[in-house]
N, C-alpha and C. Protein backbone atom coordinates (compact mmCIF):
# COMPACT_ATOMS: atom_id res chain seq x y z
N MET A 1 49.28 18.33 -14.87
CA MET A 1 49.09 17.87 -13.50
C MET A 1 49.42 18.98 -12.51
N GLU A 2 50.45 19.77 -12.79
CA GLU A 2 50.80 20.87 -11.90
C GLU A 2 49.68 21.90 -11.85
N GLU A 3 49.08 22.20 -13.00
CA GLU A 3 47.98 23.17 -13.03
C GLU A 3 46.77 22.64 -12.25
N LEU A 4 46.47 21.35 -12.41
CA LEU A 4 45.36 20.74 -11.69
C LEU A 4 45.61 20.79 -10.19
N ALA A 5 46.81 20.42 -9.76
CA ALA A 5 47.14 20.42 -8.34
C ALA A 5 47.03 21.83 -7.77
N GLY A 6 47.50 22.82 -8.53
CA GLY A 6 47.44 24.20 -8.07
C GLY A 6 46.01 24.67 -7.85
N GLN A 7 45.11 24.35 -8.80
CA GLN A 7 43.72 24.77 -8.66
C GLN A 7 43.02 24.04 -7.52
N ALA A 8 43.44 22.79 -7.25
CA ALA A 8 42.83 22.01 -6.17
C ALA A 8 43.44 22.33 -4.81
N GLY A 9 44.55 23.06 -4.80
CA GLY A 9 45.20 23.41 -3.54
C GLY A 9 45.94 22.26 -2.90
N ILE A 10 46.43 21.32 -3.70
CA ILE A 10 47.20 20.19 -3.18
C ILE A 10 48.51 20.07 -3.96
N THR A 11 49.33 19.10 -3.59
CA THR A 11 50.61 18.94 -4.26
C THR A 11 50.49 17.96 -5.43
N VAL A 12 51.44 18.05 -6.34
CA VAL A 12 51.49 17.11 -7.47
C VAL A 12 51.66 15.69 -6.96
N ARG A 13 52.42 15.54 -5.89
CA ARG A 13 52.63 14.21 -5.31
C ARG A 13 51.30 13.62 -4.84
N THR A 14 50.43 14.47 -4.27
CA THR A 14 49.12 13.98 -3.82
C THR A 14 48.27 13.56 -5.00
N VAL A 15 48.30 14.33 -6.09
CA VAL A 15 47.55 13.96 -7.29
C VAL A 15 48.01 12.61 -7.80
N ARG A 16 49.32 12.39 -7.85
CA ARG A 16 49.86 11.10 -8.31
C ARG A 16 49.41 9.97 -7.39
N PHE A 17 49.39 10.24 -6.08
CA PHE A 17 48.96 9.23 -5.11
C PHE A 17 47.50 8.86 -5.34
N TYR A 18 46.65 9.87 -5.57
CA TYR A 18 45.24 9.59 -5.83
C TYR A 18 45.07 8.80 -7.12
N ARG A 19 45.87 9.11 -8.13
CA ARG A 19 45.82 8.35 -9.38
C ARG A 19 46.18 6.89 -9.13
N GLU A 20 47.23 6.66 -8.34
CA GLU A 20 47.67 5.30 -8.06
C GLU A 20 46.63 4.52 -7.27
N ARG A 21 45.88 5.20 -6.39
CA ARG A 21 44.86 4.55 -5.58
C ARG A 21 43.54 4.37 -6.33
N GLY A 22 43.47 4.87 -7.56
CA GLY A 22 42.25 4.75 -8.34
C GLY A 22 41.19 5.76 -7.97
N LEU A 23 41.57 6.79 -7.22
CA LEU A 23 40.62 7.82 -6.81
C LEU A 23 40.38 8.85 -7.90
N LEU A 24 41.27 8.94 -8.85
CA LEU A 24 41.18 9.94 -9.90
C LEU A 24 41.29 9.25 -11.26
N GLN A 25 40.38 9.58 -12.15
CA GLN A 25 40.39 8.97 -13.48
C GLN A 25 41.61 9.42 -14.27
N PRO A 26 42.10 8.58 -15.17
CA PRO A 26 43.25 8.97 -16.00
C PRO A 26 42.92 10.19 -16.86
N PRO A 27 43.91 10.98 -17.19
CA PRO A 27 43.67 12.15 -18.05
C PRO A 27 43.52 11.72 -19.51
N ARG A 28 43.02 12.63 -20.32
CA ARG A 28 42.98 12.40 -21.78
C ARG A 28 44.36 12.73 -22.33
N ARG A 29 44.91 11.83 -23.12
CA ARG A 29 46.28 12.02 -23.60
C ARG A 29 46.31 12.36 -25.09
N GLU A 30 47.17 13.31 -25.41
CA GLU A 30 47.48 13.65 -26.80
C GLU A 30 49.00 13.62 -26.93
N GLY A 31 49.51 12.48 -27.43
CA GLY A 31 50.95 12.32 -27.49
C GLY A 31 51.54 12.28 -26.09
N ARG A 32 52.45 13.21 -25.81
CA ARG A 32 53.10 13.26 -24.49
C ARG A 32 52.37 14.19 -23.52
N ILE A 33 51.25 14.79 -23.99
CA ILE A 33 50.52 15.73 -23.15
C ILE A 33 49.32 15.06 -22.51
N ALA A 34 49.15 15.26 -21.20
CA ALA A 34 48.01 14.73 -20.46
C ALA A 34 47.09 15.88 -20.09
N TRP A 35 45.82 15.79 -20.53
CA TRP A 35 44.85 16.86 -20.28
C TRP A 35 43.90 16.48 -19.16
N TYR A 36 43.83 17.34 -18.14
CA TYR A 36 42.84 17.18 -17.07
C TYR A 36 41.75 18.24 -17.29
N ASP A 37 40.53 17.93 -16.82
CA ASP A 37 39.42 18.86 -17.05
C ASP A 37 38.67 19.12 -15.74
N ASP A 38 37.50 19.78 -15.86
CA ASP A 38 36.73 20.16 -14.67
C ASP A 38 36.27 18.95 -13.86
N ARG A 39 36.07 17.80 -14.53
CA ARG A 39 35.64 16.61 -13.80
C ARG A 39 36.72 16.15 -12.83
N HIS A 40 37.98 16.23 -13.25
CA HIS A 40 39.07 15.86 -12.36
C HIS A 40 39.17 16.82 -11.17
N LEU A 41 38.98 18.12 -11.45
CA LEU A 41 39.04 19.11 -10.38
C LEU A 41 37.89 18.89 -9.40
N ALA A 42 36.69 18.61 -9.93
CA ALA A 42 35.54 18.35 -9.06
C ALA A 42 35.78 17.12 -8.19
N ARG A 43 36.40 16.07 -8.76
CA ARG A 43 36.68 14.86 -7.99
C ARG A 43 37.66 15.17 -6.85
N LEU A 44 38.68 15.97 -7.13
CA LEU A 44 39.65 16.31 -6.09
C LEU A 44 39.00 17.12 -4.97
N ARG A 45 38.11 18.03 -5.33
CA ARG A 45 37.42 18.82 -4.31
C ARG A 45 36.46 17.95 -3.50
N THR A 46 35.84 16.98 -4.15
CA THR A 46 34.96 16.05 -3.45
C THR A 46 35.75 15.20 -2.47
N ILE A 47 36.92 14.73 -2.89
CA ILE A 47 37.79 13.94 -2.01
C ILE A 47 38.16 14.77 -0.78
N ALA A 48 38.53 16.04 -1.01
CA ALA A 48 38.91 16.90 0.11
C ALA A 48 37.74 17.09 1.07
N ALA A 49 36.53 17.28 0.53
CA ALA A 49 35.35 17.47 1.38
C ALA A 49 35.06 16.21 2.19
N LEU A 50 35.19 15.03 1.57
CA LEU A 50 34.95 13.78 2.28
C LEU A 50 35.99 13.53 3.36
N LEU A 51 37.23 13.86 3.08
CA LEU A 51 38.28 13.71 4.09
C LEU A 51 38.01 14.61 5.29
N GLU A 52 37.56 15.84 5.02
CA GLU A 52 37.24 16.76 6.12
C GLU A 52 36.12 16.22 6.99
N ARG A 53 35.22 15.42 6.41
CA ARG A 53 34.10 14.87 7.16
C ARG A 53 34.43 13.53 7.80
N GLY A 54 35.69 13.13 7.75
CA GLY A 54 36.11 11.95 8.48
C GLY A 54 36.13 10.66 7.69
N HIS A 55 35.85 10.71 6.39
CA HIS A 55 35.91 9.50 5.57
C HIS A 55 37.37 9.10 5.35
N THR A 56 37.61 7.80 5.24
CA THR A 56 38.95 7.31 4.96
C THR A 56 39.17 7.24 3.46
N LEU A 57 40.45 7.16 3.06
CA LEU A 57 40.75 7.04 1.63
C LEU A 57 40.21 5.74 1.06
N ASN A 58 40.23 4.66 1.87
CA ASN A 58 39.66 3.39 1.39
C ASN A 58 38.17 3.53 1.13
N GLY A 59 37.46 4.21 2.04
CA GLY A 59 36.04 4.42 1.85
C GLY A 59 35.76 5.29 0.65
N ILE A 60 36.57 6.34 0.44
CA ILE A 60 36.39 7.21 -0.71
C ILE A 60 36.67 6.45 -1.99
N ALA A 61 37.66 5.56 -1.96
CA ALA A 61 37.95 4.74 -3.14
C ALA A 61 36.77 3.85 -3.49
N ASP A 62 36.11 3.29 -2.46
CA ASP A 62 34.91 2.48 -2.71
C ASP A 62 33.80 3.31 -3.33
N LEU A 63 33.61 4.54 -2.83
CA LEU A 63 32.60 5.42 -3.39
C LEU A 63 32.92 5.76 -4.84
N ALA A 64 34.19 6.05 -5.13
CA ALA A 64 34.59 6.38 -6.49
C ALA A 64 34.33 5.21 -7.43
N ALA A 65 34.69 4.00 -6.99
CA ALA A 65 34.45 2.82 -7.82
C ALA A 65 32.96 2.60 -8.04
N THR A 66 32.16 2.88 -7.01
CA THR A 66 30.72 2.72 -7.12
C THR A 66 30.14 3.67 -8.14
N LEU A 67 30.53 4.95 -8.06
CA LEU A 67 30.02 5.94 -8.99
C LEU A 67 30.38 5.60 -10.44
N GLU A 68 31.59 5.07 -10.65
CA GLU A 68 32.03 4.78 -12.01
C GLU A 68 31.45 3.49 -12.56
N SER A 69 31.07 2.56 -11.68
CA SER A 69 30.52 1.28 -12.14
C SER A 69 29.01 1.31 -12.25
N GLY A 70 28.37 2.35 -11.65
CA GLY A 70 26.91 2.42 -11.70
C GLY A 70 26.23 1.67 -10.58
N ARG A 71 27.00 1.05 -9.66
CA ARG A 71 26.37 0.38 -8.52
C ARG A 71 25.77 1.41 -7.59
N ASP A 72 24.87 0.96 -6.76
CA ASP A 72 24.17 1.83 -5.82
C ASP A 72 25.12 2.24 -4.69
N VAL A 73 25.27 3.55 -4.47
CA VAL A 73 26.09 4.03 -3.37
C VAL A 73 25.59 3.49 -2.04
N GLY A 74 24.30 3.19 -1.97
CA GLY A 74 23.74 2.64 -0.75
C GLY A 74 24.42 1.35 -0.33
N GLU A 75 24.93 0.56 -1.28
CA GLU A 75 25.63 -0.67 -0.94
C GLU A 75 26.88 -0.35 -0.13
N VAL A 76 27.57 0.74 -0.52
CA VAL A 76 28.81 1.10 0.17
C VAL A 76 28.51 1.75 1.51
N LEU A 77 27.48 2.59 1.56
CA LEU A 77 27.16 3.30 2.77
C LEU A 77 26.37 2.46 3.75
N GLY A 78 25.88 1.28 3.32
CA GLY A 78 25.12 0.42 4.20
C GLY A 78 23.71 0.90 4.44
N LEU A 79 23.12 1.56 3.45
CA LEU A 79 21.76 2.07 3.62
C LEU A 79 20.76 0.95 3.41
N GLY A 80 19.75 0.91 4.27
CA GLY A 80 18.67 -0.04 4.09
C GLY A 80 17.57 0.54 3.23
N GLU A 81 16.70 -0.31 2.72
CA GLU A 81 15.56 0.17 1.95
C GLU A 81 14.60 0.89 2.88
N PRO A 82 14.23 2.15 2.58
CA PRO A 82 13.33 2.86 3.48
C PRO A 82 11.96 2.20 3.52
N THR A 83 11.34 2.18 4.69
CA THR A 83 10.05 1.51 4.84
C THR A 83 8.89 2.45 4.65
N GLU A 84 9.06 3.74 4.92
CA GLU A 84 7.97 4.70 4.78
C GLU A 84 8.28 5.82 3.80
N GLU A 85 9.53 6.15 3.63
CA GLU A 85 9.91 7.23 2.73
C GLU A 85 9.94 6.75 1.29
N THR A 86 9.60 7.65 0.37
CA THR A 86 9.56 7.32 -1.06
C THR A 86 10.80 7.86 -1.74
N PRO A 87 11.68 7.01 -2.29
CA PRO A 87 12.85 7.50 -3.01
C PRO A 87 12.44 8.21 -4.30
N VAL A 88 13.30 9.12 -4.77
CA VAL A 88 13.04 9.87 -6.00
C VAL A 88 14.23 9.70 -6.93
N ARG A 89 13.96 9.29 -8.18
CA ARG A 89 15.02 9.16 -9.18
C ARG A 89 15.12 10.46 -9.97
N LEU A 90 16.36 10.96 -10.10
CA LEU A 90 16.60 12.24 -10.77
C LEU A 90 17.79 12.13 -11.70
N THR A 91 17.77 12.90 -12.78
CA THR A 91 18.99 13.08 -13.55
C THR A 91 19.85 14.11 -12.82
N PRO A 92 21.15 14.16 -13.08
CA PRO A 92 21.98 15.20 -12.46
C PRO A 92 21.45 16.61 -12.73
N GLU A 93 20.90 16.82 -13.93
CA GLU A 93 20.36 18.13 -14.26
C GLU A 93 19.13 18.46 -13.42
N GLU A 94 18.26 17.46 -13.21
CA GLU A 94 17.07 17.67 -12.39
C GLU A 94 17.45 17.96 -10.94
N LEU A 95 18.47 17.27 -10.44
CA LEU A 95 18.93 17.55 -9.07
C LEU A 95 19.43 18.99 -8.97
N ALA A 96 20.21 19.42 -9.97
CA ALA A 96 20.72 20.79 -9.97
C ALA A 96 19.58 21.80 -10.02
N ASP A 97 18.53 21.50 -10.78
CA ASP A 97 17.39 22.42 -10.87
C ASP A 97 16.69 22.58 -9.53
N HIS A 98 16.66 21.52 -8.73
CA HIS A 98 16.00 21.59 -7.42
C HIS A 98 16.71 22.56 -6.48
N PHE A 99 18.03 22.73 -6.66
CA PHE A 99 18.79 23.48 -5.67
C PHE A 99 19.49 24.70 -6.24
N GLU A 100 19.14 25.12 -7.43
CA GLU A 100 19.51 26.43 -7.98
C GLU A 100 20.99 26.78 -7.80
N GLY A 101 21.86 25.95 -8.37
CA GLY A 101 23.29 26.23 -8.33
C GLY A 101 23.99 25.88 -7.04
N GLU A 102 23.30 25.24 -6.10
CA GLU A 102 23.89 24.90 -4.81
C GLU A 102 24.51 23.50 -4.79
N VAL A 103 24.42 22.76 -5.90
CA VAL A 103 24.96 21.39 -5.92
C VAL A 103 26.46 21.47 -6.23
N THR A 104 27.23 21.88 -5.23
CA THR A 104 28.68 21.94 -5.35
C THR A 104 29.28 20.59 -4.98
N PRO A 105 30.55 20.35 -5.33
CA PRO A 105 31.18 19.08 -4.91
C PRO A 105 31.13 18.88 -3.40
N GLU A 106 31.30 19.97 -2.63
CA GLU A 106 31.26 19.84 -1.17
C GLU A 106 29.86 19.43 -0.69
N ASN A 107 28.83 20.06 -1.24
CA ASN A 107 27.46 19.71 -0.84
C ASN A 107 27.09 18.31 -1.30
N PHE A 108 27.55 17.94 -2.49
CA PHE A 108 27.27 16.59 -2.99
C PHE A 108 27.92 15.55 -2.09
N ALA A 109 29.16 15.82 -1.67
CA ALA A 109 29.86 14.89 -0.78
C ALA A 109 29.14 14.80 0.56
N ALA A 110 28.65 15.95 1.08
CA ALA A 110 27.94 15.93 2.35
C ALA A 110 26.65 15.13 2.24
N ALA A 111 25.92 15.28 1.12
CA ALA A 111 24.68 14.53 0.92
C ALA A 111 24.95 13.04 0.79
N LEU A 112 26.05 12.68 0.15
CA LEU A 112 26.44 11.27 0.08
C LEU A 112 26.73 10.73 1.48
N GLY A 113 27.49 11.51 2.25
CA GLY A 113 27.86 11.06 3.59
C GLY A 113 26.65 10.87 4.49
N LEU A 114 25.62 11.70 4.31
CA LEU A 114 24.40 11.57 5.11
C LEU A 114 23.51 10.44 4.61
N GLY A 115 23.79 9.95 3.41
CA GLY A 115 22.94 8.92 2.85
C GLY A 115 21.70 9.46 2.16
N TYR A 116 21.65 10.77 1.92
CA TYR A 116 20.51 11.34 1.22
C TYR A 116 20.51 10.94 -0.26
N LEU A 117 21.70 10.80 -0.84
CA LEU A 117 21.83 10.49 -2.26
C LEU A 117 22.49 9.14 -2.47
N ALA A 118 22.09 8.49 -3.57
CA ALA A 118 22.71 7.27 -4.03
C ALA A 118 22.64 7.29 -5.56
N THR A 119 23.24 6.32 -6.21
CA THR A 119 23.21 6.28 -7.67
C THR A 119 22.59 4.98 -8.16
N ASP A 120 22.00 5.08 -9.34
CA ASP A 120 21.44 3.91 -10.01
C ASP A 120 21.74 4.08 -11.49
N GLY A 121 22.88 3.55 -11.91
CA GLY A 121 23.33 3.78 -13.28
C GLY A 121 23.66 5.25 -13.48
N ASP A 122 23.04 5.87 -14.49
CA ASP A 122 23.27 7.29 -14.76
C ASP A 122 22.36 8.19 -13.94
N MET A 123 21.47 7.60 -13.17
CA MET A 123 20.50 8.38 -12.39
C MET A 123 21.00 8.57 -10.95
N ILE A 124 20.50 9.62 -10.32
CA ILE A 124 20.74 9.87 -8.90
C ILE A 124 19.45 9.60 -8.15
N VAL A 125 19.56 8.92 -7.01
CA VAL A 125 18.38 8.60 -6.20
C VAL A 125 18.46 9.38 -4.90
N HIS A 126 17.43 10.19 -4.64
CA HIS A 126 17.29 10.83 -3.33
C HIS A 126 16.45 9.91 -2.47
N ILE A 127 16.90 9.65 -1.25
CA ILE A 127 16.29 8.62 -0.44
C ILE A 127 14.88 8.96 0.06
N SER A 128 14.50 10.25 0.03
CA SER A 128 13.20 10.64 0.59
C SER A 128 12.61 11.81 -0.19
N ARG A 129 11.42 11.60 -0.76
CA ARG A 129 10.75 12.70 -1.47
C ARG A 129 10.45 13.85 -0.50
N ARG A 130 10.04 13.53 0.73
CA ARG A 130 9.72 14.59 1.69
C ARG A 130 10.95 15.43 2.01
N LEU A 131 12.09 14.77 2.22
CA LEU A 131 13.31 15.51 2.51
C LEU A 131 13.75 16.34 1.31
N LEU A 132 13.62 15.79 0.11
CA LEU A 132 13.99 16.52 -1.11
C LEU A 132 13.15 17.78 -1.24
N GLU A 133 11.83 17.65 -1.08
CA GLU A 133 10.94 18.80 -1.24
C GLU A 133 11.18 19.85 -0.15
N ALA A 134 11.38 19.40 1.09
CA ALA A 134 11.60 20.34 2.18
C ALA A 134 12.93 21.07 2.03
N SER A 135 13.98 20.34 1.70
CA SER A 135 15.30 20.97 1.58
C SER A 135 15.36 21.91 0.39
N SER A 136 14.75 21.54 -0.74
CA SER A 136 14.76 22.43 -1.90
C SER A 136 13.91 23.67 -1.63
N ALA A 137 12.82 23.53 -0.85
CA ALA A 137 12.01 24.70 -0.50
C ALA A 137 12.81 25.66 0.38
N LEU A 138 13.59 25.12 1.32
CA LEU A 138 14.42 25.98 2.16
C LEU A 138 15.46 26.73 1.33
N VAL A 139 16.05 26.05 0.35
CA VAL A 139 17.03 26.70 -0.52
C VAL A 139 16.37 27.82 -1.32
N ARG A 140 15.15 27.58 -1.81
CA ARG A 140 14.43 28.63 -2.55
C ARG A 140 14.13 29.83 -1.66
N GLU A 141 14.00 29.60 -0.35
CA GLU A 141 13.75 30.70 0.58
C GLU A 141 15.03 31.44 0.96
N GLY A 142 16.17 31.00 0.44
CA GLY A 142 17.42 31.70 0.68
C GLY A 142 18.36 31.04 1.66
N VAL A 143 18.00 29.86 2.18
CA VAL A 143 18.88 29.16 3.11
C VAL A 143 19.93 28.39 2.31
N PRO A 144 21.22 28.57 2.56
CA PRO A 144 22.24 27.83 1.80
C PRO A 144 22.08 26.32 1.99
N LEU A 145 22.32 25.57 0.92
CA LEU A 145 22.19 24.12 1.01
C LEU A 145 23.16 23.55 2.03
N SER A 146 24.33 24.14 2.17
CA SER A 146 25.29 23.65 3.17
C SER A 146 24.70 23.74 4.57
N ALA A 147 23.95 24.82 4.85
CA ALA A 147 23.31 24.96 6.16
C ALA A 147 22.18 23.95 6.33
N VAL A 148 21.44 23.69 5.26
CA VAL A 148 20.37 22.69 5.33
C VAL A 148 20.95 21.31 5.63
N LEU A 149 22.06 20.97 4.98
CA LEU A 149 22.67 19.67 5.19
C LEU A 149 23.25 19.55 6.60
N GLU A 150 23.83 20.62 7.10
CA GLU A 150 24.36 20.59 8.47
C GLU A 150 23.22 20.42 9.47
N ALA A 151 22.10 21.12 9.23
CA ALA A 151 20.94 20.94 10.10
C ALA A 151 20.45 19.50 10.02
N GLY A 152 20.46 18.93 8.81
CA GLY A 152 20.05 17.54 8.65
C GLY A 152 20.93 16.59 9.44
N ARG A 153 22.24 16.88 9.46
CA ARG A 153 23.16 16.04 10.22
C ARG A 153 22.83 16.08 11.71
N GLN A 154 22.53 17.28 12.22
CA GLN A 154 22.21 17.40 13.64
C GLN A 154 20.85 16.77 13.95
N VAL A 155 19.88 16.97 13.07
CA VAL A 155 18.56 16.36 13.27
C VAL A 155 18.69 14.84 13.27
N ARG A 156 19.56 14.29 12.40
CA ARG A 156 19.77 12.84 12.34
C ARG A 156 20.19 12.31 13.70
N ALA A 157 21.11 13.00 14.35
CA ALA A 157 21.59 12.54 15.66
C ALA A 157 20.45 12.52 16.68
N HIS A 158 19.64 13.58 16.70
CA HIS A 158 18.52 13.62 17.64
C HIS A 158 17.46 12.58 17.28
N ALA A 159 17.22 12.40 15.99
CA ALA A 159 16.21 11.42 15.56
C ALA A 159 16.64 10.01 15.94
N ASP A 160 17.93 9.71 15.79
CA ASP A 160 18.42 8.39 16.20
C ASP A 160 18.20 8.18 17.70
N ALA A 161 18.45 9.23 18.49
CA ALA A 161 18.25 9.11 19.94
C ALA A 161 16.77 8.89 20.27
N LEU A 162 15.87 9.58 19.57
CA LEU A 162 14.44 9.40 19.80
C LEU A 162 14.00 8.00 19.42
N ALA A 163 14.52 7.49 18.29
CA ALA A 163 14.16 6.14 17.87
C ALA A 163 14.64 5.10 18.88
N ASP A 164 15.86 5.29 19.40
CA ASP A 164 16.37 4.38 20.43
C ASP A 164 15.48 4.41 21.67
N LEU A 165 15.04 5.63 22.06
CA LEU A 165 14.17 5.77 23.22
C LEU A 165 12.87 5.00 23.03
N PHE A 166 12.25 5.14 21.84
CA PHE A 166 10.97 4.48 21.58
C PHE A 166 11.13 2.96 21.56
N VAL A 167 12.14 2.47 20.82
CA VAL A 167 12.34 1.02 20.72
C VAL A 167 12.66 0.43 22.09
N GLY A 168 13.47 1.13 22.88
CA GLY A 168 13.79 0.64 24.22
C GLY A 168 12.57 0.62 25.13
N MET A 169 11.72 1.64 25.01
CA MET A 169 10.51 1.69 25.82
C MET A 169 9.58 0.52 25.50
N VAL A 170 9.39 0.24 24.21
CA VAL A 170 8.52 -0.87 23.81
C VAL A 170 9.11 -2.20 24.26
N ALA A 171 10.44 -2.35 24.10
CA ALA A 171 11.08 -3.60 24.50
C ALA A 171 10.95 -3.85 26.01
N GLU A 172 10.99 -2.76 26.79
CA GLU A 172 10.92 -2.92 28.26
C GLU A 172 9.50 -3.11 28.76
N HIS A 173 8.55 -2.35 28.23
CA HIS A 173 7.21 -2.33 28.80
C HIS A 173 6.16 -3.09 27.98
N ALA A 174 6.46 -3.36 26.72
CA ALA A 174 5.52 -4.12 25.89
C ALA A 174 6.30 -5.09 25.02
N PRO A 175 7.03 -6.03 25.66
CA PRO A 175 7.94 -6.91 24.90
C PRO A 175 7.24 -7.78 23.87
N GLY A 176 5.95 -8.03 24.04
CA GLY A 176 5.26 -8.87 23.08
C GLY A 176 4.74 -8.12 21.88
N GLU A 177 4.86 -6.79 21.89
CA GLU A 177 4.33 -5.98 20.80
C GLU A 177 5.38 -5.79 19.71
N ASP A 178 4.88 -5.56 18.50
CA ASP A 178 5.75 -5.29 17.36
C ASP A 178 6.05 -3.80 17.32
N ALA A 179 7.31 -3.41 17.54
CA ALA A 179 7.67 -1.99 17.56
C ALA A 179 7.37 -1.32 16.23
N ASP A 180 7.52 -2.06 15.13
CA ASP A 180 7.25 -1.46 13.82
C ASP A 180 5.77 -1.12 13.68
N ARG A 181 4.89 -1.96 14.25
CA ARG A 181 3.45 -1.70 14.17
C ARG A 181 3.07 -0.48 14.98
N LEU A 182 3.84 -0.19 16.06
CA LEU A 182 3.53 0.94 16.93
C LEU A 182 4.24 2.23 16.51
N ARG A 183 5.01 2.19 15.43
CA ARG A 183 5.78 3.37 15.05
C ARG A 183 4.92 4.60 14.77
N PRO A 184 3.67 4.47 14.24
CA PRO A 184 2.86 5.68 14.06
C PRO A 184 2.61 6.43 15.36
N LEU A 185 2.53 5.70 16.49
CA LEU A 185 2.34 6.37 17.77
C LEU A 185 3.57 7.19 18.14
N ALA A 186 4.74 6.62 17.92
CA ALA A 186 5.98 7.35 18.21
C ALA A 186 6.08 8.59 17.33
N ARG A 187 5.73 8.44 16.05
CA ARG A 187 5.79 9.58 15.13
C ARG A 187 4.83 10.69 15.57
N SER A 188 3.64 10.30 16.03
CA SER A 188 2.66 11.30 16.49
C SER A 188 3.19 12.08 17.68
N VAL A 189 3.82 11.37 18.63
CA VAL A 189 4.37 12.05 19.81
C VAL A 189 5.45 13.04 19.40
N VAL A 190 6.36 12.61 18.53
CA VAL A 190 7.47 13.47 18.11
C VAL A 190 6.94 14.68 17.34
N GLU A 191 6.00 14.46 16.42
CA GLU A 191 5.46 15.56 15.64
C GLU A 191 4.74 16.57 16.53
N ALA A 192 3.98 16.08 17.53
CA ALA A 192 3.28 16.99 18.43
C ALA A 192 4.25 17.79 19.28
N GLU A 193 5.28 17.12 19.82
CA GLU A 193 6.25 17.82 20.65
C GLU A 193 7.04 18.85 19.83
N LEU A 194 7.41 18.49 18.60
CA LEU A 194 8.13 19.44 17.75
C LEU A 194 7.26 20.64 17.43
N SER A 195 5.98 20.39 17.14
CA SER A 195 5.06 21.49 16.86
C SER A 195 4.96 22.43 18.04
N MET A 196 4.82 21.88 19.26
CA MET A 196 4.72 22.73 20.44
C MET A 196 6.03 23.46 20.73
N ALA A 197 7.16 22.81 20.47
CA ALA A 197 8.46 23.46 20.66
C ALA A 197 8.60 24.64 19.71
N LEU A 198 8.17 24.47 18.45
CA LEU A 198 8.22 25.58 17.50
C LEU A 198 7.31 26.71 17.95
N ASP A 199 6.14 26.36 18.48
CA ASP A 199 5.24 27.39 19.01
C ASP A 199 5.94 28.20 20.10
N ARG A 200 6.61 27.52 21.00
CA ARG A 200 7.29 28.22 22.10
C ARG A 200 8.40 29.13 21.57
N ARG A 201 9.19 28.62 20.61
CA ARG A 201 10.30 29.42 20.09
C ARG A 201 9.81 30.59 19.27
N LEU A 202 8.78 30.40 18.48
CA LEU A 202 8.31 31.45 17.58
C LEU A 202 7.53 32.54 18.31
N ARG A 203 6.97 32.20 19.46
CA ARG A 203 6.20 33.18 20.21
C ARG A 203 7.09 34.07 21.07
N LYS A 204 8.29 33.61 21.40
CA LYS A 204 9.15 34.37 22.30
C LYS A 204 9.48 35.77 21.79
N PRO A 205 9.92 35.96 20.53
CA PRO A 205 10.23 37.31 20.06
C PRO A 205 9.01 38.23 20.11
N VAL A 206 7.82 37.69 19.80
CA VAL A 206 6.60 38.50 19.83
C VAL A 206 6.31 38.95 21.26
N ALA A 207 6.47 38.03 22.21
CA ALA A 207 6.20 38.38 23.61
C ALA A 207 7.16 39.46 24.09
N ARG A 208 8.42 39.38 23.72
CA ARG A 208 9.39 40.39 24.15
C ARG A 208 9.06 41.75 23.54
N GLU A 209 8.66 41.72 22.27
CA GLU A 209 8.36 42.97 21.58
C GLU A 209 7.16 43.66 22.22
N ARG A 210 6.15 42.90 22.59
CA ARG A 210 4.97 43.50 23.20
C ARG A 210 5.26 44.01 24.60
N ALA A 211 6.26 43.44 25.26
CA ALA A 211 6.57 43.85 26.62
C ALA A 211 7.31 45.18 26.68
N GLU A 212 7.86 45.61 25.54
CA GLU A 212 8.60 46.85 25.52
C GLU A 212 7.65 48.04 25.68
N PRO A 213 8.03 49.07 26.43
CA PRO A 213 7.17 50.26 26.63
C PRO A 213 7.03 51.07 25.36
């Protein structure tokens, strides 16, 4: 236990506390010796990453119980069934192959917190094929997965604000209309504006370069 605590950067007392709360699986015992392995160290690092992101110990305990029982993490995180996005079922090995060694405990915890990942028995479910393909493509281009996830967190906040704007507009000016039926129009506006914003940002360096004598 002392060796495990040292590698995790925490105290033995904290390890015992996590054991008592059910956050850490029991060690393998041989007589009076208790053996901890890489899975225990990964769990401790995941707990630390989740705590840094504002999760409570009670919430982390629920996540731990979910992972060990095979229930869907979405039940704990309160995720709804996506209406347009296609979930993807992956083995842990397939997930690792998508991100070329970037599936660290910290990144896994961040993806759980964002709701990108859930579990279904021994399988991992990514909530969106489009997000999976885009994020793995960015990683292949050299962008760290941690940066991709942080960008996703910020995009989520802006996307929520845009969705609130659209739903509020429909409720105020077209109260008899079904907002879900009109969602393709909202998506078209956002996609067009994002495309034009990228045009403006990507053209700026070229314009400055040409202006130089």
